[in-house]
């Protein structure tokens, strides 16, 4: 006896949705674990000043100039923040 078409469709869709629900659960558990690990790390000073800001800006401008083919003197930096 052959299974009906509806049984095959329902079993296939059920399998796919079960797999998707398992993937969502794994992502949620992993996210929770990463947040717990991040919260255990000691907090550093967020407003730490950058001591060699001019050197970093020069390196960034040189990299941008190299990629774009422009002259480094023509690149103007409007804002520079530590992320």
PDB file of N, CA and C in Angstrom:
ATOM      1  N   UNK A   1       0.839  -1.186   0.000  1.00  0.00           N
ATOM      2  CA  UNK A   1       0.000   0.000   0.000  1.00  0.00           C
ATOM      3  C   UNK A   1       0.881   1.246   0.000  1.00  0.00           C
ATOM      4  N   UNK A   2       0.579   2.151  -0.889  1.00  0.00           N
ATOM      5  CA  UNK A   2       1.327   3.389  -1.012  1.00  0.00           C
ATOM      6  C   UNK A   2       0.784   4.438  -0.049  1.00  0.00           C
ATOM      7  N   UNK A   3       1.699   5.246   0.536  1.00  0.00           N
ATOM      8  CA  UNK A   3       1.193   6.340   1.387  1.00  0.00           C
ATOM      9  C   UNK A   3       0.545   7.418   0.516  1.00  0.00           C
ATOM     10  N   UNK A   4      -0.414   8.100   1.099  1.00  0.00           N
ATOM     11  CA  UNK A   4      -1.097   9.140   0.327  1.00  0.00           C
ATOM     12  C   UNK A   4      -0.189  10.354   0.136  1.00  0.00           C
ATOM     13  N   UNK A   5      -0.525  11.147  -0.845  1.00  0.00           N
ATOM     14  CA  UNK A   5       0.267  12.342  -1.139  1.00  0.00           C
ATOM     15  C   UNK A   5       0.243  13.321   0.025  1.00  0.00           C
ATOM     16  N   UNK A   6      -0.895  13.469   0.679  1.00  0.00           N
ATOM     17  CA  UNK A   6      -1.006  14.413   1.790  1.00  0.00           C
ATOM     18  C   UNK A   6      -0.136  13.989   2.967  1.00  0.00           C
ATOM     19  N   UNK A   7      -0.013  12.698   3.209  1.00  0.00           N
ATOM     20  CA  UNK A   7       0.842  12.205   4.286  1.00  0.00           C
ATOM     21  C   UNK A   7       2.300  12.554   4.000  1.00  0.00           C
ATOM     22  N   UNK A   8       2.729  12.376   2.778  1.00  0.00           N
ATOM     23  CA  UNK A   8       4.110  12.692   2.399  1.00  0.00           C
ATOM     24  C   UNK A   8       4.368  14.192   2.531  1.00  0.00           C
ATOM     25  N   UNK A   9       3.415  15.005   2.087  1.00  0.00           N
ATOM     26  CA  UNK A   9       3.569  16.458   2.178  1.00  0.00           C
ATOM     27  C   UNK A   9       3.633  16.888   3.640  1.00  0.00           C
ATOM     28  N   UNK A  10       2.732  16.374   4.460  1.00  0.00           N
ATOM     29  CA  UNK A  10       2.705  16.770   5.879  1.00  0.00           C
ATOM     30  C   UNK A  10       3.959  16.310   6.610  1.00  0.00           C
ATOM     31  N   UNK A  11       4.421  15.101   6.333  1.00  0.00           N
ATOM     32  CA  UNK A  11       5.653  14.630   6.968  1.00  0.00           C
ATOM     33  C   UNK A  11       6.862  15.460   6.520  1.00  0.00           C
ATOM     34  N   UNK A  12       6.923  15.803   5.253  1.00  0.00           N
ATOM     35  CA  UNK A  12       8.030  16.621   4.760  1.00  0.00           C
ATOM     36  C   UNK A  12       8.030  18.014   5.365  1.00  0.00           C
ATOM     37  N   UNK A  13       6.858  18.638   5.387  1.00  0.00           N
ATOM     38  CA  UNK A  13       6.780  19.986   5.969  1.00  0.00           C
ATOM     39  C   UNK A  13       7.033  19.940   7.471  1.00  0.00           C
ATOM     40  N   UNK A  14       6.538  18.899   8.135  1.00  0.00           N
ATOM     41  CA  UNK A  14       6.783  18.759   9.567  1.00  0.00           C
ATOM     42  C   UNK A  14       8.256  18.607   9.878  1.00  0.00           C
ATOM     43  N   UNK A  15       8.944  17.834   9.055  1.00  0.00           N
ATOM     44  CA  UNK A  15      10.385  17.648   9.241  1.00  0.00           C
ATOM     45  C   UNK A  15      11.130  18.958   9.051  1.00  0.00           C
ATOM     46  N   UNK A  16      10.769  19.719   8.042  1.00  0.00           N
ATOM     47  CA  UNK A  16      11.435  20.997   7.774  1.00  0.00           C
ATOM     48  C   UNK A  16      11.185  21.974   8.922  1.00  0.00           C
ATOM     49  N   UNK A  17       9.942  22.075   9.368  1.00  0.00           N
ATOM     50  CA  UNK A  17       9.649  23.010  10.453  1.00  0.00           C
ATOM     51  C   UNK A  17      10.298  22.572  11.759  1.00  0.00           C
ATOM     52  N   UNK A  18      10.357  21.274  12.015  1.00  0.00           N
ATOM     53  CA  UNK A  18      11.050  20.798  13.209  1.00  0.00           C
ATOM     54  C   UNK A  18      12.530  21.160  13.142  1.00  0.00           C
ATOM     55  N   UNK A  19      13.154  20.993  11.979  1.00  0.00           N
ATOM     56  CA  UNK A  19      14.556  21.367  11.815  1.00  0.00           C
ATOM     57  C   UNK A  19      14.778  22.859  12.008  1.00  0.00           C
ATOM     58  N   UNK A  20      13.863  23.672  11.479  1.00  0.00           N
ATOM     59  CA  UNK A  20      13.995  25.123  11.653  1.00  0.00           C
ATOM     60  C   UNK A  20      13.841  25.528  13.113  1.00  0.00           C
ATOM     61  N   UNK A  21      12.910  24.897  13.812  1.00  0.00           N
ATOM     62  CA  UNK A  21      12.721  25.202  15.229  1.00  0.00           C
ATOM     63  C   UNK A  21      13.970  24.804  16.019  1.00  0.00           C
ATOM     64  N   UNK A  22      14.575  23.684  15.662  1.00  0.00           N
ATOM     65  CA  UNK A  22      15.816  23.275  16.325  1.00  0.00           C
ATOM     66  C   UNK A  22      16.940  24.277  16.051  1.00  0.00           C
ATOM     67  N   UNK A  23      17.046  24.767  14.824  1.00  0.00           N
ATOM     68  CA  UNK A  23      18.072  25.769  14.504  1.00  0.00           C
ATOM     69  C   UNK A  23      17.858  27.055  15.293  1.00  0.00           C
ATOM     70  N   UNK A  24      16.611  27.483  15.420  1.00  0.00           N
ATOM     71  CA  UNK A  24      16.317  28.690  16.193  1.00  0.00           C
ATOM     72  C   UNK A  24      16.698  28.485  17.649  1.00  0.00           C
ATOM     73  N   UNK A  25      16.378  27.321  18.195  1.00  0.00           N
ATOM     74  CA  UNK A  25      16.721  27.033  19.592  1.00  0.00           C
ATOM     75  C   UNK A  25      18.235  27.022  19.788  1.00  0.00           C
ATOM     76  N   UNK A  26      18.972  26.439  18.856  1.00  0.00           N
ATOM     77  CA  UNK A  26      20.432  26.421  18.962  1.00  0.00           C
ATOM     78  C   UNK A  26      20.990  27.837  18.908  1.00  0.00           C
ATOM     79  N   UNK A  27      20.457  28.678  18.039  1.00  0.00           N
ATOM     80  CA  UNK A  27      20.913  30.076  17.944  1.00  0.00           C
ATOM     81  C   UNK A  27      20.629  30.838  19.231  1.00  0.00           C
ATOM     82  N   UNK A  28      19.451  30.632  19.801  1.00  0.00           N
ATOM     83  CA  UNK A  28      19.097  31.315  21.054  1.00  0.00           C
ATOM     84  C   UNK A  28      20.011  30.871  22.192  1.00  0.00           C
ATOM     85  N   UNK A  29      20.276  29.563  22.288  1.00  0.00           N
ATOM     86  CA  UNK A  29      21.137  29.047  23.354  1.00  0.00           C
ATOM     87  C   UNK A  29      22.561  29.576  23.190  1.00  0.00           C
ATOM     88  N   UNK A  30      23.060  29.596  21.961  1.00  0.00           N
ATOM     89  CA  UNK A  30      24.397  30.114  21.709  1.00  0.00           C
ATOM     90  C   UNK A  30      24.484  31.596  22.041  1.00  0.00           C
ATOM     91  N   UNK A  31      23.465  32.354  21.660  1.00  0.00           N
ATOM     92  CA  UNK A  31      23.438  33.779  21.967  1.00  0.00           C
ATOM     93  C   UNK A  31      23.437  34.017  23.472  1.00  0.00           C
ATOM     94  N   UNK A  32      22.656  33.225  24.190  1.00  0.00           N
ATOM     95  CA  UNK A  32      22.605  33.356  25.642  1.00  0.00           C
ATOM     96  C   UNK A  32      23.969  33.044  26.256  1.00  0.00           C
ATOM     97  N   UNK A  33      24.628  31.987  25.765  1.00  0.00           N
ATOM     98  CA  UNK A  33      25.936  31.614  26.298  1.00  0.00           C
ATOM     99  C   UNK A  33      26.973  32.699  26.030  1.00  0.00           C
ATOM    100  N   UNK A  34      26.946  33.284  24.836  1.00  0.00           N
ATOM    101  CA  UNK A  34      27.910  34.342  24.505  1.00  0.00           C
ATOM    102  C   UNK A  34      27.670  35.569  25.373  1.00  0.00           C
ATOM    103  N   UNK A  35      26.388  35.926  25.589  1.00  0.00           N
ATOM    104  CA  UNK A  35      26.094  37.073  26.459  1.00  0.00           C
ATOM    105  C   UNK A  35      26.582  36.825  27.883  1.00  0.00           C
ATOM    106  N   UNK A  36      26.448  35.611  28.373  1.00  0.00           N
ATOM    107  CA  UNK A  36      26.907  35.301  29.726  1.00  0.00           C
ATOM    108  C   UNK A  36      28.428  35.407  29.819  1.00  0.00           C
ATOM    109  N   UNK A  37      29.123  34.939  28.781  1.00  0.00           N
ATOM    110  CA  UNK A  37      30.584  35.025  28.771  1.00  0.00           C
ATOM    111  C   UNK A  37      31.022  36.483  28.688  1.00  0.00           C
ATOM    112  N   UNK A  38      30.341  37.282  27.855  1.00  0.00           N
ATOM    113  CA  UNK A  38      30.693  38.702  27.721  1.00  0.00           C
ATOM    114  C   UNK A  38      30.439  39.458  29.025  1.00  0.00           C
ATOM    115  N   UNK A  39      29.406  39.100  29.753  1.00  0.00           N
ATOM    116  CA  UNK A  39      29.109  39.790  31.018  1.00  0.00           C
ATOM    117  C   UNK A  39      30.116  39.441  32.094  1.00  0.00           C
ATOM    118  N   UNK A  40      30.798  38.312  31.987  1.00  0.00           N
ATOM    119  CA  UNK A  40      31.770  37.915  32.995  1.00  0.00           C
ATOM    120  C   UNK A  40      33.111  38.609  32.804  1.00  0.00           C
ATOM    121  N   UNK A  41      33.363  39.122  31.612  1.00  0.00           N
ATOM    122  CA  UNK A  41      34.625  39.811  31.368  1.00  0.00           C
ATOM    123  C   UNK A  41      34.640  41.131  32.127  1.00  0.00           C
ATOM    124  N   UNK A  42      35.795  41.510  32.675  1.00  0.00           N
ATOM    125  CA  UNK A  42      35.857  42.788  33.384  1.00  0.00           C
ATOM    126  C   UNK A  42      35.703  43.961  32.421  1.00  0.00           C
ATOM    127  N   UNK A  43      35.010  44.968  32.862  1.00  0.00           N
ATOM    128  CA  UNK A  43      34.784  46.162  32.044  1.00  0.00           C
ATOM    129  C   UNK A  43      36.051  47.014  32.023  1.00  0.00           C
ATOM    130  N   UNK A  44      36.397  47.498  30.837  1.00  0.00           N
ATOM    131  CA  UNK A  44      37.540  48.399  30.709  1.00  0.00           C
ATOM    132  C   UNK A  44      37.017  49.826  30.633  1.00  0.00           C
ATOM    133  N   UNK A  45      37.918  50.753  30.725  1.00  0.00           N
ATOM    134  CA  UNK A  45      37.534  52.165  30.659  1.00  0.00           C
ATOM    135  C   UNK A  45      37.015  52.458  29.251  1.00  0.00           C
ATOM    136  N   UNK A  46      35.759  52.833  29.135  1.00  0.00           N
ATOM    137  CA  UNK A  46      35.151  53.084  27.831  1.00  0.00           C
ATOM    138  C   UNK A  46      35.652  54.390  27.214  1.00  0.00           C
ATOM    139  N   UNK A  47      35.923  55.363  28.033  1.00  0.00           N
ATOM    140  CA  UNK A  47      36.325  56.676  27.521  1.00  0.00           C
ATOM    141  C   UNK A  47      37.846  56.824  27.541  1.00  0.00           C
ATOM    142  N   UNK A  48      38.538  55.773  27.221  1.00  0.00           N
ATOM    143  CA  UNK A  48      39.983  55.783  27.198  1.00  0.00           C
ATOM    144  C   UNK A  48      40.460  56.650  26.036  1.00  0.00           C
ATOM    145  N   UNK A  49      41.386  57.537  26.297  1.00  0.00           N
ATOM    146  CA  UNK A  49      41.868  58.432  25.253  1.00  0.00           C
ATOM    147  C   UNK A  49      42.867  57.702  24.360  1.00  0.00           C
ATOM    148  N   UNK A  50      42.923  58.118  23.125  1.00  0.00           N
ATOM    149  CA  UNK A  50      43.851  57.537  22.168  1.00  0.00           C
ATOM    150  C   UNK A  50      45.122  58.369  22.210  1.00  0.00           C
ATOM    151  N   UNK A  51      46.237  57.726  22.539  1.00  0.00           N
ATOM    152  CA  UNK A  51      47.466  58.486  22.740  1.00  0.00           C
ATOM    153  C   UNK A  51      48.115  58.882  21.408  1.00  0.00           C
ATOM    154  N   UNK A  52      48.074  58.035  20.424  1.00  0.00           N
ATOM    155  CA  UNK A  52      48.734  58.321  19.151  1.00  0.00           C
ATOM    156  C   UNK A  52      47.697  58.520  18.049  1.00  0.00           C
ATOM    157  N   UNK A  53      46.801  59.452  18.252  1.00  0.00           N
ATOM    158  CA  UNK A  53      45.698  59.676  17.318  1.00  0.00           C
ATOM    159  C   UNK A  53      46.181  60.132  15.943  1.00  0.00           C
ATOM    160  N   UNK A  54      47.184  60.956  15.891  1.00  0.00           N
ATOM    161  CA  UNK A  54      47.691  61.462  14.613  1.00  0.00           C
ATOM    162  C   UNK A  54      48.309  60.341  13.780  1.00  0.00           C
ATOM    163  N   UNK A  55      49.016  59.416  14.440  1.00  0.00           N
ATOM    164  CA  UNK A  55      49.607  58.302  13.710  1.00  0.00           C
ATOM    165  C   UNK A  55      48.531  57.379  13.147  1.00  0.00           C
ATOM    166  N   UNK A  56      47.485  57.137  13.923  1.00  0.00           N
ATOM    167  CA  UNK A  56      46.393  56.283  13.465  1.00  0.00           C
ATOM    168  C   UNK A  56      45.669  56.944  12.300  1.00  0.00           C
ATOM    169  N   UNK A  57      45.411  58.244  12.402  1.00  0.00           N
ATOM    170  CA  UNK A  57      44.756  58.968  11.312  1.00  0.00           C
ATOM    171  C   UNK A  57      45.598  58.943  10.037  1.00  0.00           C
ATOM    172  N   UNK A  58      46.912  59.081  10.188  1.00  0.00           N
ATOM    173  CA  UNK A  58      47.788  59.045   9.022  1.00  0.00           C
ATOM    174  C   UNK A  58      47.748  57.661   8.362  1.00  0.00           C
ATOM    175  N   UNK A  59      47.736  56.604   9.164  1.00  0.00           N
ATOM    176  CA  UNK A  59      47.679  55.251   8.617  1.00  0.00           C
ATOM    177  C   UNK A  59      46.350  54.997   7.915  1.00  0.00           C
ATOM    178  N   UNK A  60      45.253  55.463   8.507  1.00  0.00           N
ATOM    179  CA  UNK A  60      43.935  55.289   7.897  1.00  0.00           C
ATOM    180  C   UNK A  60      43.853  56.057   6.585  1.00  0.00           C
ATOM    181  N   UNK A  61      44.336  57.290   6.582  1.00  0.00           N
ATOM    182  CA  UNK A  61      44.317  58.091   5.356  1.00  0.00           C
ATOM    183  C   UNK A  61      45.182  57.454   4.268  1.00  0.00           C
ATOM    184  N   UNK A  62      46.329  56.892   4.655  1.00  0.00           N
ATOM    185  CA  UNK A  62      47.199  56.241   3.675  1.00  0.00           C
ATOM    186  C   UNK A  62      46.520  55.002   3.093  1.00  0.00           C
ATOM    187  N   UNK A  63      45.822  54.252   3.931  1.00  0.00           N
ATOM    188  CA  UNK A  63      45.130  53.054   3.437  1.00  0.00           C
ATOM    189  C   UNK A  63      43.999  53.428   2.491  1.00  0.00           C
ATOM    190  N   UNK A  64      43.246  54.464   2.840  1.00  0.00           N
ATOM    191  CA  UNK A  64      42.153  54.924   1.974  1.00  0.00           C
ATOM    192  C   UNK A  64      42.711  55.442   0.654  1.00  0.00           C
ATOM    193  N   UNK A  65      43.797  56.198   0.735  1.00  0.00           N
ATOM    194  CA  UNK A  65      44.404  56.731  -0.483  1.00  0.00           C
ATOM    195  C   UNK A  65      44.913  55.603  -1.373  1.00  0.00           C
ATOM    196  N   UNK A  66      45.468  54.574  -0.789  1.00  0.00           N
ATOM    197  CA  UNK A  66      45.968  53.441  -1.565  1.00  0.00           C
ATOM    198  C   UNK A  66      44.839  52.704  -2.263  1.00  0.00           C
ATOM    199  N   UNK A  67      43.724  52.527  -1.572  1.00  0.00           N
ATOM    200  CA  UNK A  67      42.588  51.799  -2.153  1.00  0.00           C
ATOM    201  C   UNK A  67      41.879  52.602  -3.246  1.00  0.00           C
ATOM    202  N   UNK A  68      41.731  53.912  -3.008  1.00  0.00           N
ATOM    203  CA  UNK A  68      40.983  54.720  -3.962  1.00  0.00           C
ATOM    204  C   UNK A  68      41.855  55.287  -5.076  1.00  0.00           C
ATOM    205  N   UNK A  69      43.164  55.296  -4.876  1.00  0.00           N
ATOM    206  CA  UNK A  69      44.060  55.845  -5.883  1.00  0.00           C
ATOM    207  C   UNK A  69      44.178  57.354  -5.785  1.00  0.00           C
ATOM    208  N   UNK A  70      43.660  57.945  -4.732  1.00  0.00           N
ATOM    209  CA  UNK A  70      43.730  59.390  -4.538  1.00  0.00           C
ATOM    210  C   UNK A  70      45.009  59.754  -3.784  1.00  0.00           C
ATOM    211  N   UNK A  71      45.270  61.026  -3.707  1.00  0.00           N
ATOM    212  CA  UNK A  71      46.411  61.519  -2.952  1.00  0.00           C
ATOM    213  C   UNK A  71      46.013  61.609  -1.483  1.00  0.00           C
ATOM    214  N   UNK A  72      46.893  61.194  -0.580  1.00  0.00           N
ATOM    215  CA  UNK A  72      46.590  61.189   0.854  1.00  0.00           C
ATOM    216  C   UNK A  72      46.386  62.599   1.388  1.00  0.00           C
ATOM    217  N   UNK A  73      46.977  63.599   0.738  1.00  0.00           N
ATOM    218  CA  UNK A  73      46.825  64.983   1.203  1.00  0.00           C
ATOM    219  C   UNK A  73      45.416  65.512   0.960  1.00  0.00           C
ATOM    220  N   UNK A  74      44.724  64.935  -0.011  1.00  0.00           N
ATOM    221  CA  UNK A  74      43.389  65.405  -0.352  1.00  0.00           C
ATOM    222  C   UNK A  74      42.280  64.760   0.487  1.00  0.00           C
ATOM    223  N   UNK A  75      42.632  63.820   1.361  1.00  0.00           N
ATOM    224  CA  UNK A  75      41.633  63.150   2.191  1.00  0.00           C
ATOM    225  C   UNK A  75      41.458  63.950   3.471  1.00  0.00           C
ATOM    226  N   UNK A  76      40.209  64.328   3.746  1.00  0.00           N
ATOM    227  CA  UNK A  76      39.900  65.119   4.933  1.00  0.00           C
ATOM    228  C   UNK A  76      39.096  64.254   5.905  1.00  0.00           C
ATOM    229  N   UNK A  77      39.579  64.120   7.137  1.00  0.00           N
ATOM    230  CA  UNK A  77      38.888  63.334   8.164  1.00  0.00           C
ATOM    231  C   UNK A  77      38.020  64.288   8.974  1.00  0.00           C
ATOM    232  N   UNK A  78      36.720  64.018   8.986  1.00  0.00           N
ATOM    233  CA  UNK A  78      35.799  64.885   9.705  1.00  0.00           C
ATOM    234  C   UNK A  78      35.554  64.421  11.127  1.00  0.00           C
ATOM    235  N   UNK A  79      35.581  63.124  11.358  1.00  0.00           N
ATOM    236  CA  UNK A  79      35.314  62.592  12.688  1.00  0.00           C
ATOM    237  C   UNK A  79      36.112  61.312  12.863  1.00  0.00           C
ATOM    238  N   UNK A  80      36.599  61.110  14.071  1.00  0.00           N
ATOM    239  CA  UNK A  80      37.380  59.919  14.392  1.00  0.00           C
ATOM    240  C   UNK A  80      37.009  59.503  15.794  1.00  0.00           C
ATOM    241  N   UNK A  81      36.303  58.358  15.910  1.00  0.00           N
ATOM    242  CA  UNK A  81      35.855  57.878  17.228  1.00  0.00           C
ATOM    243  C   UNK A  81      36.310  56.453  17.433  1.00  0.00           C
ATOM    244  N   UNK A  82      36.622  56.108  18.650  1.00  0.00           N
ATOM    245  CA  UNK A  82      36.957  54.727  18.990  1.00  0.00           C
ATOM    246  C   UNK A  82      35.663  53.960  19.162  1.00  0.00           C
ATOM    247  N   UNK A  83      35.567  52.817  18.502  1.00  0.00           N
ATOM    248  CA  UNK A  83      34.358  51.997  18.598  1.00  0.00           C
ATOM    249  C   UNK A  83      34.622  50.816  19.486  1.00  0.00           C
TER     250      UNK A  83
END
